[in-house]
């Protein structure tokens, strides 16, 4: 089974959805036969690198609400994160452009470190308050999962490096109708939109597995034999 996950590193529900899926997978008996692949999606491709505004100010400005309303909304999201074992520090989050973080993740994929870097970037942004558009910070995060410093610097210094890989993911998202993230595609056949409850993910995993691995239908290769039922026993006539 293959699960493709479109997400962005500054999307609070993407981290929540990722963790809920992981919890569901831990309880799935065939988890070792499930491949998870992350796809790039930018909530705001034109986002500034960092304006100095808090996430509360950015949210208030975007949705035309008061700072207090924005804080309340963020608190509600934070409570959902906490219920999955995540800790969000909204007061120190630095809203920023994520294109370089996505490019670096595509490089990480080539050396088998995509999953590790994705987790570290989400944690860095939501929990540690790090500016994940800063190249030196990205390099340090990459080093923590085993990426070579020189190779990372080379990728980040060239704005075209792995850029096409990111754009291909985003173009595919548009083709299949992805308008918000997280968005999960299973076996290129089923989709799950949003940070669904863990129980929903568990149900979907089981349903897809059963459909792909139906119980065998046996073919009788011997012909009728003597059998017993609750109505009695019968010997077939010769």
C-alpha atoms as a PDB file:
ATOM      1  CA  UNK A   1       0.000   0.000   0.000  1.00  0.00           C
ATOM      2  CA  UNK A   2       1.284   3.456  -0.879  1.00  0.00           C
ATOM      3  CA  UNK A   3       0.173   6.683   0.781  1.00  0.00           C
ATOM      4  CA  UNK A   4       1.103  10.023  -0.791  1.00  0.00           C
ATOM      5  CA  UNK A   5       0.783  13.022   1.519  1.00  0.00           C
ATOM      6  CA  UNK A   6       0.570  16.583   0.235  1.00  0.00           C
ATOM      7  CA  UNK A   7       1.489  19.032   3.004  1.00  0.00           C
ATOM      8  CA  UNK A   8       3.280  22.252   3.904  1.00  0.00           C
ATOM      9  CA  UNK A   9       5.702  22.867   6.760  1.00  0.00           C
ATOM     10  CA  UNK A  10       3.751  25.868   8.103  1.00  0.00           C
ATOM     11  CA  UNK A  11       0.366  24.125   7.992  1.00  0.00           C
ATOM     12  CA  UNK A  12      -0.674  23.286  11.581  1.00  0.00           C
ATOM     13  CA  UNK A  13      -3.147  20.618  10.526  1.00  0.00           C
ATOM     14  CA  UNK A  14      -0.527  18.965   8.308  1.00  0.00           C
ATOM     15  CA  UNK A  15       1.560  18.096  11.364  1.00  0.00           C
ATOM     16  CA  UNK A  16      -1.529  16.951  13.248  1.00  0.00           C
ATOM     17  CA  UNK A  17      -2.716  14.868  10.300  1.00  0.00           C
ATOM     18  CA  UNK A  18       0.724  13.343   9.862  1.00  0.00           C
ATOM     19  CA  UNK A  19       0.843  12.289  13.490  1.00  0.00           C
ATOM     20  CA  UNK A  20      -2.676  10.857  13.451  1.00  0.00           C
ATOM     21  CA  UNK A  21      -1.822   8.799  10.383  1.00  0.00           C
ATOM     22  CA  UNK A  22       1.327   7.544  12.105  1.00  0.00           C
ATOM     23  CA  UNK A  23      -0.631   6.540  15.199  1.00  0.00           C
ATOM     24  CA  UNK A  24      -3.094   4.657  12.990  1.00  0.00           C
ATOM     25  CA  UNK A  25      -0.242   2.927  11.182  1.00  0.00           C
ATOM     26  CA  UNK A  26       1.298   1.820  14.466  1.00  0.00           C
ATOM     27  CA  UNK A  27      -1.913  -0.090  15.180  1.00  0.00           C
ATOM     28  CA  UNK A  28      -2.186  -1.479  11.648  1.00  0.00           C
ATOM     29  CA  UNK A  29      -1.057  -5.130  11.453  1.00  0.00           C
ATOM     30  CA  UNK A  30       0.410  -4.672   7.969  1.00  0.00           C
ATOM     31  CA  UNK A  31       2.262  -1.415   8.624  1.00  0.00           C
ATOM     32  CA  UNK A  32       5.523  -2.858   7.310  1.00  0.00           C
ATOM     33  CA  UNK A  33       3.881  -3.125   3.905  1.00  0.00           C
ATOM     34  CA  UNK A  34       2.830   0.534   3.774  1.00  0.00           C
ATOM     35  CA  UNK A  35       4.969   3.138   2.027  1.00  0.00           C
ATOM     36  CA  UNK A  36       4.440   6.814   2.902  1.00  0.00           C
ATOM     37  CA  UNK A  37       5.707   9.471   0.511  1.00  0.00           C
ATOM     38  CA  UNK A  38       5.516  13.220   1.141  1.00  0.00           C
ATOM     39  CA  UNK A  39       4.569  15.658  -1.604  1.00  0.00           C
ATOM     40  CA  UNK A  40       5.235  19.392  -1.698  1.00  0.00           C
ATOM     41  CA  UNK A  41       2.464  21.943  -1.342  1.00  0.00           C
ATOM     42  CA  UNK A  42       2.863  25.669  -0.581  1.00  0.00           C
ATOM     43  CA  UNK A  43      -0.069  27.293   1.177  1.00  0.00           C
ATOM     44  CA  UNK A  44       1.252  30.653   0.005  1.00  0.00           C
ATOM     45  CA  UNK A  45       3.896  30.483  -2.740  1.00  0.00           C
ATOM     46  CA  UNK A  46       4.243  34.281  -2.534  1.00  0.00           C
ATOM     47  CA  UNK A  47       4.823  34.370   1.214  1.00  0.00           C
ATOM     48  CA  UNK A  48       7.584  36.644   2.454  1.00  0.00           C
ATOM     49  CA  UNK A  49      10.736  35.070   3.839  1.00  0.00           C
ATOM     50  CA  UNK A  50       9.917  36.610   7.236  1.00  0.00           C
ATOM     51  CA  UNK A  51       8.238  39.921   7.888  1.00  0.00           C
ATOM     52  CA  UNK A  52       8.780  39.953  11.638  1.00  0.00           C
ATOM     53  CA  UNK A  53       5.066  39.519  12.296  1.00  0.00           C
ATOM     54  CA  UNK A  54       3.880  36.941  14.788  1.00  0.00           C
ATOM     55  CA  UNK A  55       1.657  34.113  13.615  1.00  0.00           C
ATOM     56  CA  UNK A  56      -1.213  35.834  15.456  1.00  0.00           C
ATOM     57  CA  UNK A  57      -0.673  39.057  13.497  1.00  0.00           C
ATOM     58  CA  UNK A  58      -0.297  37.178  10.217  1.00  0.00           C
ATOM     59  CA  UNK A  59      -3.514  35.235  10.797  1.00  0.00           C
ATOM     60  CA  UNK A  60      -5.435  38.346  11.850  1.00  0.00           C
ATOM     61  CA  UNK A  61      -4.310  40.214   8.755  1.00  0.00           C
ATOM     62  CA  UNK A  62      -5.076  37.363   6.369  1.00  0.00           C
ATOM     63  CA  UNK A  63      -8.571  36.652   7.663  1.00  0.00           C
ATOM     64  CA  UNK A  64      -9.471  40.172   8.809  1.00  0.00           C
ATOM     65  CA  UNK A  65      -9.948  39.298  12.445  1.00  0.00           C
ATOM     66  CA  UNK A  66      -8.692  40.801  15.676  1.00  0.00           C
ATOM     67  CA  UNK A  67      -5.469  39.670  17.322  1.00  0.00           C
ATOM     68  CA  UNK A  68      -7.529  38.245  20.170  1.00  0.00           C
ATOM     69  CA  UNK A  69      -9.653  36.236  17.739  1.00  0.00           C
ATOM     70  CA  UNK A  70      -6.511  34.960  16.055  1.00  0.00           C
ATOM     71  CA  UNK A  71      -5.036  33.898  19.394  1.00  0.00           C
ATOM     72  CA  UNK A  72      -8.231  32.043  20.274  1.00  0.00           C
ATOM     73  CA  UNK A  73      -8.215  30.262  16.918  1.00  0.00           C
ATOM     74  CA  UNK A  74      -4.584  29.274  17.378  1.00  0.00           C
ATOM     75  CA  UNK A  75      -5.299  28.065  20.890  1.00  0.00           C
ATOM     76  CA  UNK A  76      -7.994  25.744  19.545  1.00  0.00           C
ATOM     77  CA  UNK A  77      -5.566  24.329  16.992  1.00  0.00           C
ATOM     78  CA  UNK A  78      -2.952  23.963  19.705  1.00  0.00           C
ATOM     79  CA  UNK A  79      -5.368  21.900  21.788  1.00  0.00           C
ATOM     80  CA  UNK A  80      -5.884  19.532  18.866  1.00  0.00           C
ATOM     81  CA  UNK A  81      -2.132  19.243  18.445  1.00  0.00           C
ATOM     82  CA  UNK A  82      -1.711  18.473  22.122  1.00  0.00           C
ATOM     83  CA  UNK A  83      -4.249  15.669  21.871  1.00  0.00           C
ATOM     84  CA  UNK A  84      -1.914  13.916  19.415  1.00  0.00           C
ATOM     85  CA  UNK A  85       1.177  14.434  21.548  1.00  0.00           C
ATOM     86  CA  UNK A  86       2.422  17.571  19.777  1.00  0.00           C
ATOM     87  CA  UNK A  87       3.332  20.871  21.401  1.00  0.00           C
ATOM     88  CA  UNK A  88       2.771  24.074  19.408  1.00  0.00           C
ATOM     89  CA  UNK A  89       4.440  27.331  20.454  1.00  0.00           C
ATOM     90  CA  UNK A  90       2.370  29.906  18.566  1.00  0.00           C
ATOM     91  CA  UNK A  91       3.954  32.868  20.324  1.00  0.00           C
ATOM     92  CA  UNK A  92       7.341  32.085  18.788  1.00  0.00           C
ATOM     93  CA  UNK A  93       6.358  30.766  15.351  1.00  0.00           C
ATOM     94  CA  UNK A  94       7.877  32.638  12.417  1.00  0.00           C
ATOM     95  CA  UNK A  95       5.554  32.556   9.382  1.00  0.00           C
ATOM     96  CA  UNK A  96       7.694  32.339   6.275  1.00  0.00           C
ATOM     97  CA  UNK A  97       8.159  31.072   2.743  1.00  0.00           C
ATOM     98  CA  UNK A  98       8.683  27.302   2.567  1.00  0.00           C
ATOM     99  CA  UNK A  99       9.961  26.799  -0.975  1.00  0.00           C
ATOM    100  CA  UNK A 100      13.593  26.227   0.046  1.00  0.00           C
ATOM    101  CA  UNK A 101      12.519  23.824   2.785  1.00  0.00           C
ATOM    102  CA  UNK A 102      10.602  21.837   0.173  1.00  0.00           C
ATOM    103  CA  UNK A 103      13.592  21.869  -2.176  1.00  0.00           C
ATOM    104  CA  UNK A 104      15.851  20.583   0.579  1.00  0.00           C
ATOM    105  CA  UNK A 105      13.373  17.817   1.363  1.00  0.00           C
ATOM    106  CA  UNK A 106      13.482  16.716  -2.256  1.00  0.00           C
ATOM    107  CA  UNK A 107      17.252  16.469  -1.987  1.00  0.00           C
ATOM    108  CA  UNK A 108      16.842  14.507   1.255  1.00  0.00           C
ATOM    109  CA  UNK A 109      14.623  12.053  -0.617  1.00  0.00           C
ATOM    110  CA  UNK A 110      17.509  11.176  -2.934  1.00  0.00           C
ATOM    111  CA  UNK A 111      19.531   9.963   0.052  1.00  0.00           C
ATOM    112  CA  UNK A 112      16.672   8.259   1.880  1.00  0.00           C
ATOM    113  CA  UNK A 113      16.103  10.977   4.492  1.00  0.00           C
ATOM    114  CA  UNK A 114      12.799  12.489   3.353  1.00  0.00           C
ATOM    115  CA  UNK A 115      10.696  11.249   6.270  1.00  0.00           C
ATOM    116  CA  UNK A 116      13.260  12.221   8.897  1.00  0.00           C
ATOM    117  CA  UNK A 117      13.735  15.731   7.504  1.00  0.00           C
ATOM    118  CA  UNK A 118       9.987  16.296   7.114  1.00  0.00           C
ATOM    119  CA  UNK A 119       9.443  15.492  10.789  1.00  0.00           C
ATOM    120  CA  UNK A 120      12.351  17.689  11.888  1.00  0.00           C
ATOM    121  CA  UNK A 121      11.188  20.667   9.824  1.00  0.00           C
ATOM    122  CA  UNK A 122       7.655  20.487  11.208  1.00  0.00           C
ATOM    123  CA  UNK A 123       8.983  20.224  14.750  1.00  0.00           C
ATOM    124  CA  UNK A 124      11.420  23.088  14.161  1.00  0.00           C
ATOM    125  CA  UNK A 125       8.659  25.401  12.969  1.00  0.00           C
ATOM    126  CA  UNK A 126       5.794  24.531  15.288  1.00  0.00           C
ATOM    127  CA  UNK A 127       7.619  23.630  18.495  1.00  0.00           C
ATOM    128  CA  UNK A 128      11.031  25.277  18.387  1.00  0.00           C
ATOM    129  CA  UNK A 129      10.093  28.566  16.728  1.00  0.00           C
ATOM    130  CA  UNK A 130      12.833  28.315  14.105  1.00  0.00           C
ATOM    131  CA  UNK A 131      12.880  30.298  10.879  1.00  0.00           C
ATOM    132  CA  UNK A 132      12.792  27.459   8.377  1.00  0.00           C
ATOM    133  CA  UNK A 133      13.550  29.686   5.385  1.00  0.00           C
ATOM    134  CA  UNK A 134      16.965  30.610   6.797  1.00  0.00           C
ATOM    135  CA  UNK A 135      19.579  28.572   4.934  1.00  0.00           C
ATOM    136  CA  UNK A 136      21.888  28.062   7.881  1.00  0.00           C
ATOM    137  CA  UNK A 137      19.008  26.885  10.046  1.00  0.00           C
ATOM    138  CA  UNK A 138      17.920  24.508   7.287  1.00  0.00           C
ATOM    139  CA  UNK A 139      21.448  23.119   7.045  1.00  0.00           C
ATOM    140  CA  UNK A 140      21.595  22.541  10.793  1.00  0.00           C
ATOM    141  CA  UNK A 141      18.246  20.758  10.722  1.00  0.00           C
ATOM    142  CA  UNK A 142      19.450  18.670   7.801  1.00  0.00           C
ATOM    143  CA  UNK A 143      22.660  17.759   9.603  1.00  0.00           C
ATOM    144  CA  UNK A 144      20.589  16.468  12.523  1.00  0.00           C
ATOM    145  CA  UNK A 145      19.175  13.748  10.242  1.00  0.00           C
ATOM    146  CA  UNK A 146      22.502  12.926   8.633  1.00  0.00           C
ATOM    147  CA  UNK A 147      22.578  15.162   5.556  1.00  0.00           C
ATOM    148  CA  UNK A 148      25.983  16.412   4.442  1.00  0.00           C
ATOM    149  CA  UNK A 149      26.510  20.106   5.078  1.00  0.00           C
ATOM    150  CA  UNK A 150      28.324  20.836   1.816  1.00  0.00           C
ATOM    151  CA  UNK A 151      25.671  19.144  -0.299  1.00  0.00           C
ATOM    152  CA  UNK A 152      22.885  21.013   1.451  1.00  0.00           C
ATOM    153  CA  UNK A 153      24.606  24.351   0.956  1.00  0.00           C
ATOM    154  CA  UNK A 154      25.064  23.546  -2.701  1.00  0.00           C
ATOM    155  CA  UNK A 155      21.349  22.793  -3.092  1.00  0.00           C
ATOM    156  CA  UNK A 156      20.193  25.866  -1.206  1.00  0.00           C
ATOM    157  CA  UNK A 157      22.601  28.211  -3.017  1.00  0.00           C
ATOM    158  CA  UNK A 158      21.105  27.249  -6.392  1.00  0.00           C
ATOM    159  CA  UNK A 159      17.472  28.366  -6.521  1.00  0.00           C
ATOM    160  CA  UNK A 160      16.818  25.979  -9.412  1.00  0.00           C
ATOM    161  CA  UNK A 161      18.112  22.900  -7.599  1.00  0.00           C
ATOM    162  CA  UNK A 162      15.207  20.479  -7.001  1.00  0.00           C
ATOM    163  CA  UNK A 163      12.806  23.312  -7.811  1.00  0.00           C
ATOM    164  CA  UNK A 164      11.250  21.307 -10.618  1.00  0.00           C
ATOM    165  CA  UNK A 165      10.591  18.402  -8.248  1.00  0.00           C
ATOM    166  CA  UNK A 166       8.588  20.731  -6.011  1.00  0.00           C
ATOM    167  CA  UNK A 167       6.681  22.208  -8.942  1.00  0.00           C
ATOM    168  CA  UNK A 168       5.796  18.751 -10.271  1.00  0.00           C
ATOM    169  CA  UNK A 169       4.196  17.862  -6.931  1.00  0.00           C
ATOM    170  CA  UNK A 170       2.259  21.105  -6.917  1.00  0.00           C
ATOM    171  CA  UNK A 171       1.137  20.672 -10.515  1.00  0.00           C
ATOM    172  CA  UNK A 172      -0.079  17.151  -9.753  1.00  0.00           C
ATOM    173  CA  UNK A 173      -1.976  18.495  -6.747  1.00  0.00           C
ATOM    174  CA  UNK A 174      -3.758  20.885  -9.072  1.00  0.00           C
ATOM    175  CA  UNK A 175      -4.577  18.121 -11.528  1.00  0.00           C
ATOM    176  CA  UNK A 176      -6.225  15.928  -8.909  1.00  0.00           C
ATOM    177  CA  UNK A 177      -8.096  18.818  -7.312  1.00  0.00           C
ATOM    178  CA  UNK A 178      -6.141  19.410  -4.118  1.00  0.00           C
ATOM    179  CA  UNK A 179      -7.163  22.808  -2.746  1.00  0.00           C
ATOM    180  CA  UNK A 180      -6.121  22.358   0.878  1.00  0.00           C
ATOM    181  CA  UNK A 181      -3.724  20.281   2.920  1.00  0.00           C
ATOM    182  CA  UNK A 182      -3.085  17.820   4.378  1.00  0.00           C
ATOM    183  CA  UNK A 183      -4.320  15.654   1.540  1.00  0.00           C
ATOM    184  CA  UNK A 184      -3.719  11.908   1.435  1.00  0.00           C
ATOM    185  CA  UNK A 185      -3.901   9.690  -1.651  1.00  0.00           C
ATOM    186  CA  UNK A 186      -3.878   5.922  -1.132  1.00  0.00           C
ATOM    187  CA  UNK A 187      -2.826   3.606  -3.953  1.00  0.00           C
ATOM    188  CA  UNK A 188      -3.615   6.408  -6.426  1.00  0.00           C
ATOM    189  CA  UNK A 189      -7.253   5.434  -5.958  1.00  0.00           C
ATOM    190  CA  UNK A 190      -8.599   6.762  -2.667  1.00  0.00           C
ATOM    191  CA  UNK A 191      -8.267  10.180  -1.082  1.00  0.00           C
ATOM    192  CA  UNK A 192      -8.543  11.489   2.462  1.00  0.00           C
ATOM    193  CA  UNK A 193      -8.810  15.236   2.942  1.00  0.00           C
ATOM    194  CA  UNK A 194      -7.753  16.996   6.121  1.00  0.00           C
ATOM    195  CA  UNK A 195      -6.425  15.959   9.518  1.00  0.00           C
ATOM    196  CA  UNK A 196      -9.007  13.252  10.059  1.00  0.00           C
ATOM    197  CA  UNK A 197      -9.320  11.495  13.440  1.00  0.00           C
ATOM    198  CA  UNK A 198      -7.022   8.532  14.011  1.00  0.00           C
ATOM    199  CA  UNK A 199     -10.011   6.181  13.954  1.00  0.00           C
ATOM    200  CA  UNK A 200     -10.853   7.373  10.449  1.00  0.00           C
ATOM    201  CA  UNK A 201      -7.337   6.636   9.246  1.00  0.00           C
ATOM    202  CA  UNK A 202      -7.503   3.186  10.838  1.00  0.00           C
ATOM    203  CA  UNK A 203     -10.800   2.451   9.117  1.00  0.00           C
ATOM    204  CA  UNK A 204      -9.484   3.622   5.752  1.00  0.00           C
ATOM    205  CA  UNK A 205      -6.316   1.537   6.065  1.00  0.00           C
ATOM    206  CA  UNK A 206      -8.310  -1.570   6.878  1.00  0.00           C
ATOM    207  CA  UNK A 207     -10.819  -0.959   4.085  1.00  0.00           C
ATOM    208  CA  UNK A 208      -8.172  -0.423   1.417  1.00  0.00           C
ATOM    209  CA  UNK A 209      -6.178  -3.439   2.595  1.00  0.00           C
ATOM    210  CA  UNK A 210      -9.216  -5.711   2.489  1.00  0.00           C
ATOM    211  CA  UNK A 211     -10.148  -4.522  -0.985  1.00  0.00           C
ATOM    212  CA  UNK A 212      -6.618  -5.118  -2.249  1.00  0.00           C
ATOM    213  CA  UNK A 213      -6.308  -8.452  -0.441  1.00  0.00           C
ATOM    214  CA  UNK A 214      -9.736 -10.125  -0.654  1.00  0.00           C
ATOM    215  CA  UNK A 215     -10.311 -13.476   1.018  1.00  0.00           C
ATOM    216  CA  UNK A 216      -9.538 -16.268  -1.450  1.00  0.00           C
ATOM    217  CA  UNK A 217     -12.402 -17.951  -3.265  1.00  0.00           C
ATOM    218  CA  UNK A 218     -11.716 -21.657  -3.336  1.00  0.00           C
ATOM    219  CA  UNK A 219     -12.392 -23.854  -6.347  1.00  0.00           C
ATOM    220  CA  UNK A 220     -13.561 -27.379  -5.637  1.00  0.00           C
ATOM    221  CA  UNK A 221     -11.236 -29.729  -7.529  1.00  0.00           C
ATOM    222  CA  UNK A 222     -12.499 -33.042  -6.096  1.00  0.00           C
ATOM    223  CA  UNK A 223     -16.227 -33.123  -6.674  1.00  0.00           C
ATOM    224  CA  UNK A 224     -18.943 -33.858  -4.113  1.00  0.00           C
ATOM    225  CA  UNK A 225     -18.061 -35.954  -1.055  1.00  0.00           C
ATOM    226  CA  UNK A 226     -19.777 -37.231   2.060  1.00  0.00           C
ATOM    227  CA  UNK A 227     -20.733 -34.285   4.257  1.00  0.00           C
ATOM    228  CA  UNK A 228     -22.704 -33.516   7.396  1.00  0.00           C
ATOM    229  CA  UNK A 229     -24.810 -30.431   8.067  1.00  0.00           C
ATOM    230  CA  UNK A 230     -27.130 -29.461  10.898  1.00  0.00           C
ATOM    231  CA  UNK A 231     -29.855 -31.277   8.991  1.00  0.00           C
ATOM    232  CA  UNK A 232     -27.996 -34.588   8.902  1.00  0.00           C
ATOM    233  CA  UNK A 233     -25.303 -36.487   6.989  1.00  0.00           C
ATOM    234  CA  UNK A 234     -25.422 -37.428   3.363  1.00  0.00           C
ATOM    235  CA  UNK A 235     -23.382 -39.853   1.282  1.00  0.00           C
ATOM    236  CA  UNK A 236     -23.278 -38.823  -2.364  1.00  0.00           C
ATOM    237  CA  UNK A 237     -24.840 -41.209  -4.816  1.00  0.00           C
ATOM    238  CA  UNK A 238     -22.479 -42.989  -7.159  1.00  0.00           C
END
